[in-house]
Amino acid sequence: MQESFVATLFSIYNMNKLLLILLFLSVNGFAQQFFQKKDGTKITVADNSIHIEPGKKRIGYLLPDSKKEMHVSYKVLDFASYGDFFFKTFPVDKKDIGFFVLAAHNGKTLLTTKRTRIKSRGGFESTYTHYDVLVIDKSNNVLENLSFTDEKNDRN
């Protein structure tokens, strides 16, 4: 009877140790938000500070313990990893364009980007969002391309 009690205590101890290790690993997995430049430089940024500026072809960020906003252009950016997002620049039609990577498999990558546009007509302004979804191969050739907006018209 005493041996089974000791075995139970030992298994509970090992289970708790395993849970603590798993908890530590899962907390650590969410901790770092960073981007990497094309030259290999990795920059860790403050939590929730990365924002994409597609019109200016750059991303903005804050360094840890800093209030001054910094920027990195798409020309020098390789990728940014923050939260559940992976943002990477690709040369498309000889231009560096930033895309969110949705999936990659067998040398093909599914990408998406969105840009908010302002349309002016007759003194009135309205905004709409333009979306691009692309499939590229490992040589960055566009295999499929789908473009659409959130406007309500027959072209969408």
N, C-alpha and C. Protein backbone atom coordinates (compact mmCIF):
# COMPACT_ATOMS: atom_id res chain seq x y z
N MET A 1 0.82 -1.19 0.00
CA MET A 1 0.00 0.00 0.00
C MET A 1 0.86 1.25 0.00
N GLN A 2 1.91 1.24 0.82
CA GLN A 2 2.78 2.40 0.91
C GLN A 2 3.55 2.61 -0.39
N GLU A 3 3.92 1.53 -1.10
CA GLU A 3 4.64 1.67 -2.36
C GLU A 3 3.78 2.35 -3.42
N SER A 4 2.49 2.03 -3.50
CA SER A 4 1.63 2.68 -4.49
C SER A 4 1.41 4.15 -4.14
N PHE A 5 1.38 4.47 -2.86
CA PHE A 5 1.24 5.86 -2.43
C PHE A 5 2.48 6.66 -2.86
N VAL A 6 3.67 6.10 -2.65
CA VAL A 6 4.92 6.75 -3.04
C VAL A 6 4.98 6.88 -4.56
N ALA A 7 4.58 5.84 -5.28
CA ALA A 7 4.58 5.90 -6.74
C ALA A 7 3.63 6.97 -7.24
N THR A 8 2.47 7.12 -6.61
CA THR A 8 1.50 8.15 -6.99
C THR A 8 2.08 9.54 -6.75
N LEU A 9 2.69 9.74 -5.58
CA LEU A 9 3.30 11.03 -5.28
C LEU A 9 4.40 11.36 -6.29
N PHE A 10 5.23 10.38 -6.63
CA PHE A 10 6.30 10.58 -7.59
C PHE A 10 5.75 10.95 -8.96
N SER A 11 4.68 10.28 -9.39
CA SER A 11 4.11 10.59 -10.71
C SER A 11 3.46 11.98 -10.71
N ILE A 12 2.84 12.38 -9.60
CA ILE A 12 2.26 13.73 -9.50
C ILE A 12 3.38 14.77 -9.56
N TYR A 13 4.49 14.49 -8.85
CA TYR A 13 5.64 15.41 -8.87
C TYR A 13 6.17 15.56 -10.29
N ASN A 14 6.34 14.46 -11.00
CA ASN A 14 6.84 14.52 -12.38
C ASN A 14 5.86 15.23 -13.31
N MET A 15 4.57 15.02 -13.11
CA MET A 15 3.55 15.67 -13.93
C MET A 15 3.59 17.18 -13.71
N ASN A 16 3.71 17.61 -12.45
CA ASN A 16 3.78 19.05 -12.16
C ASN A 16 5.03 19.67 -12.77
N LYS A 17 6.15 18.94 -12.71
CA LYS A 17 7.38 19.42 -13.30
C LYS A 17 7.22 19.58 -14.81
N LEU A 18 6.60 18.62 -15.45
CA LEU A 18 6.36 18.68 -16.88
C LEU A 18 5.45 19.85 -17.24
N LEU A 19 4.40 20.07 -16.45
CA LEU A 19 3.49 21.19 -16.70
C LEU A 19 4.21 22.53 -16.56
N LEU A 20 5.08 22.65 -15.56
CA LEU A 20 5.84 23.89 -15.40
C LEU A 20 6.76 24.14 -16.59
N ILE A 21 7.40 23.10 -17.08
CA ILE A 21 8.27 23.25 -18.24
C ILE A 21 7.45 23.67 -19.47
N LEU A 22 6.31 23.03 -19.68
CA LEU A 22 5.46 23.38 -20.82
C LEU A 22 4.95 24.82 -20.70
N LEU A 23 4.57 25.24 -19.51
CA LEU A 23 4.10 26.60 -19.28
C LEU A 23 5.21 27.60 -19.60
N PHE A 24 6.42 27.32 -19.14
CA PHE A 24 7.55 28.20 -19.41
C PHE A 24 7.81 28.31 -20.91
N LEU A 25 7.78 27.19 -21.62
CA LEU A 25 8.03 27.20 -23.06
C LEU A 25 6.94 27.94 -23.82
N SER A 26 5.69 27.79 -23.41
CA SER A 26 4.61 28.47 -24.12
C SER A 26 4.63 29.97 -23.88
N VAL A 27 4.99 30.40 -22.69
CA VAL A 27 5.09 31.84 -22.42
C VAL A 27 6.24 32.42 -23.21
N ASN A 28 7.35 31.71 -23.28
CA ASN A 28 8.51 32.18 -24.03
C ASN A 28 8.22 32.27 -25.52
N GLY A 29 7.39 31.41 -26.06
CA GLY A 29 7.08 31.40 -27.48
C GLY A 29 6.36 32.65 -27.95
N PHE A 30 5.63 33.31 -27.07
CA PHE A 30 4.88 34.49 -27.45
C PHE A 30 5.64 35.78 -27.16
N ALA A 31 6.80 35.68 -26.55
CA ALA A 31 7.46 36.85 -26.00
C ALA A 31 8.06 37.78 -27.05
N GLN A 32 8.76 37.27 -28.04
CA GLN A 32 9.53 38.14 -28.91
C GLN A 32 8.80 38.56 -30.17
N GLN A 33 8.84 39.85 -30.41
CA GLN A 33 8.40 40.41 -31.67
C GLN A 33 9.62 41.08 -32.28
N PHE A 34 9.90 40.79 -33.54
CA PHE A 34 11.13 41.30 -34.13
C PHE A 34 10.99 41.41 -35.63
N PHE A 35 11.98 42.07 -36.24
CA PHE A 35 12.10 42.04 -37.68
C PHE A 35 13.55 41.80 -38.03
N GLN A 36 13.76 41.36 -39.24
CA GLN A 36 15.12 41.10 -39.71
C GLN A 36 15.34 41.84 -41.01
N LYS A 37 16.47 42.52 -41.09
CA LYS A 37 16.84 43.22 -42.32
C LYS A 37 17.47 42.23 -43.30
N LYS A 38 17.57 42.63 -44.56
CA LYS A 38 18.15 41.77 -45.58
C LYS A 38 19.62 41.48 -45.33
N ASP A 39 20.30 42.35 -44.56
CA ASP A 39 21.71 42.10 -44.25
C ASP A 39 21.89 41.13 -43.08
N GLY A 40 20.76 40.62 -42.53
CA GLY A 40 20.82 39.64 -41.44
C GLY A 40 20.66 40.24 -40.05
N THR A 41 20.63 41.57 -39.93
CA THR A 41 20.47 42.22 -38.64
C THR A 41 19.07 41.95 -38.09
N LYS A 42 19.01 41.44 -36.85
CA LYS A 42 17.73 41.16 -36.20
C LYS A 42 17.49 42.22 -35.14
N ILE A 43 16.30 42.84 -35.16
CA ILE A 43 15.96 43.90 -34.22
C ILE A 43 14.71 43.48 -33.46
N THR A 44 14.85 43.37 -32.14
CA THR A 44 13.72 43.06 -31.26
C THR A 44 13.00 44.37 -30.96
N VAL A 45 11.67 44.34 -31.05
CA VAL A 45 10.88 45.56 -30.86
C VAL A 45 9.97 45.42 -29.64
N ALA A 46 9.42 46.54 -29.20
CA ALA A 46 8.48 46.54 -28.08
C ALA A 46 7.22 45.78 -28.49
N ASP A 47 6.60 45.13 -27.53
CA ASP A 47 5.38 44.37 -27.80
C ASP A 47 4.31 45.26 -28.42
N ASN A 48 3.64 44.71 -29.43
CA ASN A 48 2.52 45.36 -30.11
C ASN A 48 2.87 46.73 -30.70
N SER A 49 4.12 46.92 -31.10
CA SER A 49 4.49 48.23 -31.64
C SER A 49 4.67 48.23 -33.16
N ILE A 50 4.72 47.07 -33.78
CA ILE A 50 4.91 47.04 -35.24
C ILE A 50 3.60 47.41 -35.94
N HIS A 51 3.69 48.32 -36.89
CA HIS A 51 2.53 48.62 -37.75
C HIS A 51 3.03 48.83 -39.18
N ILE A 52 2.25 48.33 -40.10
CA ILE A 52 2.60 48.37 -41.52
C ILE A 52 2.09 49.67 -42.13
N GLU A 53 2.92 50.33 -42.92
CA GLU A 53 2.55 51.55 -43.63
C GLU A 53 2.74 51.30 -45.13
N PRO A 54 1.77 50.62 -45.78
CA PRO A 54 1.96 50.23 -47.18
C PRO A 54 2.10 51.41 -48.14
N GLY A 55 1.46 52.52 -47.87
CA GLY A 55 1.57 53.67 -48.76
C GLY A 55 2.98 54.25 -48.77
N LYS A 56 3.66 54.16 -47.65
CA LYS A 56 5.03 54.67 -47.55
C LYS A 56 6.07 53.57 -47.72
N LYS A 57 5.61 52.34 -47.94
CA LYS A 57 6.47 51.17 -48.14
C LYS A 57 7.49 51.02 -47.01
N ARG A 58 6.95 50.99 -45.79
CA ARG A 58 7.79 50.82 -44.62
C ARG A 58 6.97 50.26 -43.47
N ILE A 59 7.67 49.82 -42.43
CA ILE A 59 6.98 49.46 -41.20
C ILE A 59 7.49 50.37 -40.08
N GLY A 60 6.59 50.69 -39.17
CA GLY A 60 6.95 51.50 -38.01
C GLY A 60 7.04 50.59 -36.79
N TYR A 61 7.85 50.99 -35.83
CA TYR A 61 8.03 50.18 -34.62
C TYR A 61 8.63 51.04 -33.51
N LEU A 62 8.57 50.52 -32.30
CA LEU A 62 9.22 51.11 -31.14
C LEU A 62 10.23 50.11 -30.61
N LEU A 63 11.38 50.61 -30.19
CA LEU A 63 12.33 49.75 -29.50
C LEU A 63 11.88 49.57 -28.07
N PRO A 64 12.24 48.47 -27.40
CA PRO A 64 11.88 48.30 -25.99
C PRO A 64 12.39 49.50 -25.17
N ASP A 65 11.58 49.97 -24.24
CA ASP A 65 11.92 51.10 -23.36
C ASP A 65 12.17 52.39 -24.13
N SER A 66 11.49 52.58 -25.26
CA SER A 66 11.65 53.81 -26.03
C SER A 66 10.28 54.30 -26.47
N LYS A 67 10.13 55.60 -26.55
CA LYS A 67 8.88 56.21 -27.00
C LYS A 67 9.01 56.76 -28.42
N LYS A 68 10.24 56.80 -28.96
CA LYS A 68 10.47 57.35 -30.29
C LYS A 68 10.17 56.30 -31.35
N GLU A 69 9.26 56.65 -32.27
CA GLU A 69 8.92 55.72 -33.34
C GLU A 69 10.04 55.68 -34.38
N MET A 70 10.39 54.46 -34.78
CA MET A 70 11.41 54.23 -35.79
C MET A 70 10.73 53.61 -37.00
N HIS A 71 11.43 53.61 -38.14
CA HIS A 71 10.90 53.04 -39.37
C HIS A 71 11.97 52.25 -40.10
N VAL A 72 11.54 51.24 -40.83
CA VAL A 72 12.44 50.51 -41.72
C VAL A 72 11.69 50.36 -43.05
N SER A 73 12.38 50.66 -44.15
CA SER A 73 11.74 50.61 -45.47
C SER A 73 11.71 49.18 -46.00
N TYR A 74 10.80 48.94 -46.91
CA TYR A 74 10.69 47.62 -47.53
C TYR A 74 11.99 47.24 -48.24
N LYS A 75 12.76 48.24 -48.72
CA LYS A 75 13.99 47.93 -49.45
C LYS A 75 15.01 47.20 -48.59
N VAL A 76 15.05 47.49 -47.29
CA VAL A 76 16.04 46.85 -46.41
C VAL A 76 15.42 45.76 -45.52
N LEU A 77 14.09 45.68 -45.49
CA LEU A 77 13.40 44.70 -44.65
C LEU A 77 13.37 43.33 -45.33
N ASP A 78 13.72 42.30 -44.56
CA ASP A 78 13.54 40.93 -45.05
C ASP A 78 12.19 40.42 -44.57
N PHE A 79 11.98 40.40 -43.25
CA PHE A 79 10.69 39.97 -42.71
C PHE A 79 10.47 40.53 -41.32
N ALA A 80 9.22 40.51 -40.89
CA ALA A 80 8.84 40.90 -39.53
C ALA A 80 7.94 39.81 -38.97
N SER A 81 8.17 39.47 -37.71
CA SER A 81 7.36 38.45 -37.04
C SER A 81 6.77 39.09 -35.79
N TYR A 82 5.45 39.14 -35.74
CA TYR A 82 4.80 39.73 -34.57
C TYR A 82 3.42 39.11 -34.41
N GLY A 83 3.12 38.72 -33.17
CA GLY A 83 1.85 38.06 -32.90
C GLY A 83 1.70 36.83 -33.77
N ASP A 84 0.57 36.69 -34.42
CA ASP A 84 0.33 35.58 -35.33
C ASP A 84 0.72 35.91 -36.77
N PHE A 85 1.36 37.06 -36.98
CA PHE A 85 1.63 37.54 -38.33
C PHE A 85 3.09 37.36 -38.73
N PHE A 86 3.27 37.04 -40.00
CA PHE A 86 4.60 36.98 -40.61
C PHE A 86 4.53 37.83 -41.86
N PHE A 87 5.25 38.94 -41.86
CA PHE A 87 5.23 39.92 -42.95
C PHE A 87 6.60 39.88 -43.63
N LYS A 88 6.60 39.76 -44.95
CA LYS A 88 7.86 39.61 -45.68
C LYS A 88 7.80 40.42 -46.97
N THR A 89 8.95 40.94 -47.39
CA THR A 89 9.01 41.66 -48.66
C THR A 89 9.47 40.71 -49.76
N PHE A 90 8.87 40.89 -50.92
CA PHE A 90 9.21 40.09 -52.10
C PHE A 90 9.37 41.02 -53.29
N PRO A 91 10.33 40.73 -54.17
CA PRO A 91 10.43 41.53 -55.40
C PRO A 91 9.39 41.05 -56.41
N VAL A 92 8.42 41.90 -56.70
CA VAL A 92 7.38 41.59 -57.68
C VAL A 92 7.40 42.71 -58.71
N ASP A 93 7.56 42.35 -59.97
CA ASP A 93 7.66 43.33 -61.06
C ASP A 93 8.75 44.37 -60.76
N LYS A 94 9.89 43.91 -60.26
CA LYS A 94 11.07 44.73 -59.97
C LYS A 94 10.84 45.76 -58.86
N LYS A 95 9.83 45.55 -58.02
CA LYS A 95 9.56 46.42 -56.87
C LYS A 95 9.51 45.56 -55.62
N ASP A 96 10.04 46.09 -54.51
CA ASP A 96 9.92 45.40 -53.23
C ASP A 96 8.53 45.70 -52.66
N ILE A 97 7.73 44.66 -52.50
CA ILE A 97 6.36 44.81 -52.00
C ILE A 97 6.23 43.95 -50.74
N GLY A 98 5.58 44.51 -49.73
CA GLY A 98 5.38 43.79 -48.48
C GLY A 98 4.09 43.00 -48.50
N PHE A 99 4.17 41.74 -48.05
CA PHE A 99 3.01 40.85 -48.01
C PHE A 99 2.94 40.12 -46.68
N PHE A 100 1.72 39.79 -46.28
CA PHE A 100 1.52 38.86 -45.18
C PHE A 100 1.59 37.46 -45.77
N VAL A 101 2.39 36.60 -45.18
CA VAL A 101 2.53 35.22 -45.64
C VAL A 101 1.47 34.39 -44.95
N LEU A 102 0.58 33.79 -45.74
CA LEU A 102 -0.49 32.97 -45.19
C LEU A 102 -0.09 31.51 -45.08
N ALA A 103 0.66 31.02 -46.08
CA ALA A 103 1.08 29.62 -46.08
C ALA A 103 2.21 29.44 -47.08
N ALA A 104 3.01 28.39 -46.85
CA ALA A 104 4.07 28.02 -47.78
C ALA A 104 4.17 26.51 -47.81
N HIS A 105 4.25 25.95 -49.03
CA HIS A 105 4.31 24.49 -49.17
C HIS A 105 4.86 24.14 -50.55
N ASN A 106 5.76 23.17 -50.61
CA ASN A 106 6.32 22.67 -51.87
C ASN A 106 6.83 23.78 -52.80
N GLY A 107 7.52 24.77 -52.23
CA GLY A 107 8.10 25.83 -53.04
C GLY A 107 7.14 26.91 -53.48
N LYS A 108 5.88 26.83 -53.04
CA LYS A 108 4.89 27.86 -53.37
C LYS A 108 4.48 28.58 -52.10
N THR A 109 4.22 29.88 -52.23
CA THR A 109 3.88 30.70 -51.08
C THR A 109 2.61 31.48 -51.38
N LEU A 110 1.67 31.47 -50.44
CA LEU A 110 0.42 32.21 -50.55
C LEU A 110 0.57 33.51 -49.77
N LEU A 111 0.36 34.63 -50.47
CA LEU A 111 0.59 35.96 -49.90
C LEU A 111 -0.66 36.81 -50.01
N THR A 112 -0.78 37.79 -49.13
CA THR A 112 -1.86 38.75 -49.25
C THR A 112 -1.38 40.12 -48.77
N THR A 113 -1.98 41.14 -49.31
CA THR A 113 -1.73 42.50 -48.87
C THR A 113 -3.02 43.29 -49.03
N LYS A 114 -3.14 44.35 -48.25
CA LYS A 114 -4.30 45.23 -48.40
C LYS A 114 -3.86 46.66 -48.24
N ARG A 115 -4.51 47.54 -48.98
CA ARG A 115 -4.22 48.96 -48.93
C ARG A 115 -5.54 49.72 -48.88
N THR A 116 -5.64 50.68 -48.00
CA THR A 116 -6.81 51.53 -47.94
C THR A 116 -6.58 52.72 -48.87
N ARG A 117 -7.55 52.96 -49.72
CA ARG A 117 -7.46 54.04 -50.72
C ARG A 117 -8.56 55.07 -50.45
N ILE A 118 -8.30 56.29 -50.86
CA ILE A 118 -9.29 57.37 -50.76
C ILE A 118 -9.67 57.80 -52.17
N LYS A 119 -10.96 57.83 -52.42
CA LYS A 119 -11.47 58.23 -53.73
C LYS A 119 -12.22 59.55 -53.57
N SER A 120 -11.90 60.55 -54.40
CA SER A 120 -12.56 61.85 -54.37
C SER A 120 -13.35 62.04 -55.64
N ARG A 121 -14.62 62.39 -55.47
CA ARG A 121 -15.50 62.68 -56.61
C ARG A 121 -16.47 63.78 -56.22
N GLY A 122 -16.48 64.85 -56.99
CA GLY A 122 -17.45 65.93 -56.79
C GLY A 122 -17.41 66.53 -55.39
N GLY A 123 -16.24 66.63 -54.80
CA GLY A 123 -16.12 67.22 -53.47
C GLY A 123 -16.36 66.24 -52.33
N PHE A 124 -16.69 65.00 -52.66
CA PHE A 124 -16.91 63.98 -51.64
C PHE A 124 -15.76 62.98 -51.64
N GLU A 125 -15.44 62.50 -50.48
CA GLU A 125 -14.40 61.48 -50.36
C GLU A 125 -14.98 60.21 -49.78
N SER A 126 -14.50 59.10 -50.28
CA SER A 126 -14.87 57.81 -49.71
C SER A 126 -13.62 56.94 -49.67
N THR A 127 -13.61 56.01 -48.75
CA THR A 127 -12.47 55.11 -48.65
C THR A 127 -12.90 53.70 -49.04
N TYR A 128 -11.96 52.98 -49.58
CA TYR A 128 -12.18 51.58 -49.88
C TYR A 128 -10.87 50.84 -49.66
N THR A 129 -10.96 49.54 -49.51
CA THR A 129 -9.77 48.72 -49.30
C THR A 129 -9.53 47.85 -50.52
N HIS A 130 -8.29 47.87 -50.98
CA HIS A 130 -7.88 47.07 -52.14
C HIS A 130 -7.07 45.88 -51.62
N TYR A 131 -7.44 44.69 -52.06
CA TYR A 131 -6.78 43.45 -51.62
C TYR A 131 -6.07 42.79 -52.80
N ASP A 132 -4.91 42.23 -52.55
CA ASP A 132 -4.20 41.39 -53.51
C ASP A 132 -3.89 40.07 -52.83
N VAL A 133 -4.15 38.98 -53.53
CA VAL A 133 -3.80 37.64 -53.06
C VAL A 133 -2.97 37.01 -54.18
N LEU A 134 -1.76 36.55 -53.84
CA LEU A 134 -0.85 36.00 -54.84
C LEU A 134 -0.34 34.63 -54.42
N VAL A 135 -0.03 33.82 -55.40
CA VAL A 135 0.73 32.60 -55.20
C VAL A 135 2.01 32.78 -55.99
N ILE A 136 3.17 32.64 -55.30
CA ILE A 136 4.45 32.76 -55.98
C ILE A 136 5.25 31.47 -55.80
N ASP A 137 6.21 31.26 -56.71
CA ASP A 137 7.10 30.11 -56.58
C ASP A 137 8.37 30.54 -55.86
N LYS A 138 9.31 29.62 -55.69
CA LYS A 138 10.51 29.94 -54.92
C LYS A 138 11.43 30.92 -55.63
N SER A 139 11.20 31.17 -56.92
CA SER A 139 11.96 32.19 -57.65
C SER A 139 11.22 33.52 -57.68
N ASN A 140 10.16 33.65 -56.89
CA ASN A 140 9.32 34.85 -56.78
C ASN A 140 8.55 35.17 -58.05
N ASN A 141 8.31 34.17 -58.89
CA ASN A 141 7.45 34.35 -60.06
C ASN A 141 6.00 34.23 -59.61
N VAL A 142 5.16 35.15 -60.07
CA VAL A 142 3.74 35.13 -59.71
C VAL A 142 3.05 34.04 -60.53
N LEU A 143 2.50 33.05 -59.83
CA LEU A 143 1.78 31.96 -60.49
C LEU A 143 0.30 32.26 -60.63
N GLU A 144 -0.28 32.86 -59.61
CA GLU A 144 -1.70 33.25 -59.60
C GLU A 144 -1.81 34.60 -58.91
N ASN A 145 -2.78 35.41 -59.35
CA ASN A 145 -2.99 36.72 -58.77
C ASN A 145 -4.48 37.03 -58.75
N LEU A 146 -4.97 37.47 -57.63
CA LEU A 146 -6.37 37.87 -57.49
C LEU A 146 -6.39 39.23 -56.82
N SER A 147 -7.04 40.22 -57.45
CA SER A 147 -7.17 41.56 -56.90
C SER A 147 -8.65 41.91 -56.81
N PHE A 148 -9.03 42.52 -55.70
CA PHE A 148 -10.42 42.94 -55.53
C PHE A 148 -10.48 44.03 -54.47
N THR A 149 -11.63 44.70 -54.39
CA THR A 149 -11.85 45.75 -53.38
C THR A 149 -13.10 45.42 -52.58
N ASP A 150 -13.32 46.21 -51.54
CA ASP A 150 -14.53 46.02 -50.75
C ASP A 150 -15.67 46.93 -51.23
N GLU A 151 -15.47 47.59 -52.38
CA GLU A 151 -16.53 48.42 -52.95
C GLU A 151 -17.66 47.55 -53.47
N LYS A 152 -18.84 48.07 -53.42
CA LYS A 152 -20.00 47.33 -53.92
C LYS A 152 -20.28 47.78 -55.36
N ASN A 153 -19.68 47.03 -56.29
CA ASN A 153 -19.94 47.29 -57.71
C ASN A 153 -19.78 45.99 -58.48
N ASP A 154 -20.07 46.03 -59.77
CA ASP A 154 -20.05 44.81 -60.58
C ASP A 154 -18.64 44.30 -60.89
N ARG A 155 -17.62 45.14 -60.72
CA ARG A 155 -16.26 44.71 -61.02
C ARG A 155 -15.69 43.79 -59.96
N ASN A 156 -16.28 43.71 -58.79
CA ASN A 156 -15.75 42.87 -57.71
C ASN A 156 -16.33 41.49 -57.73
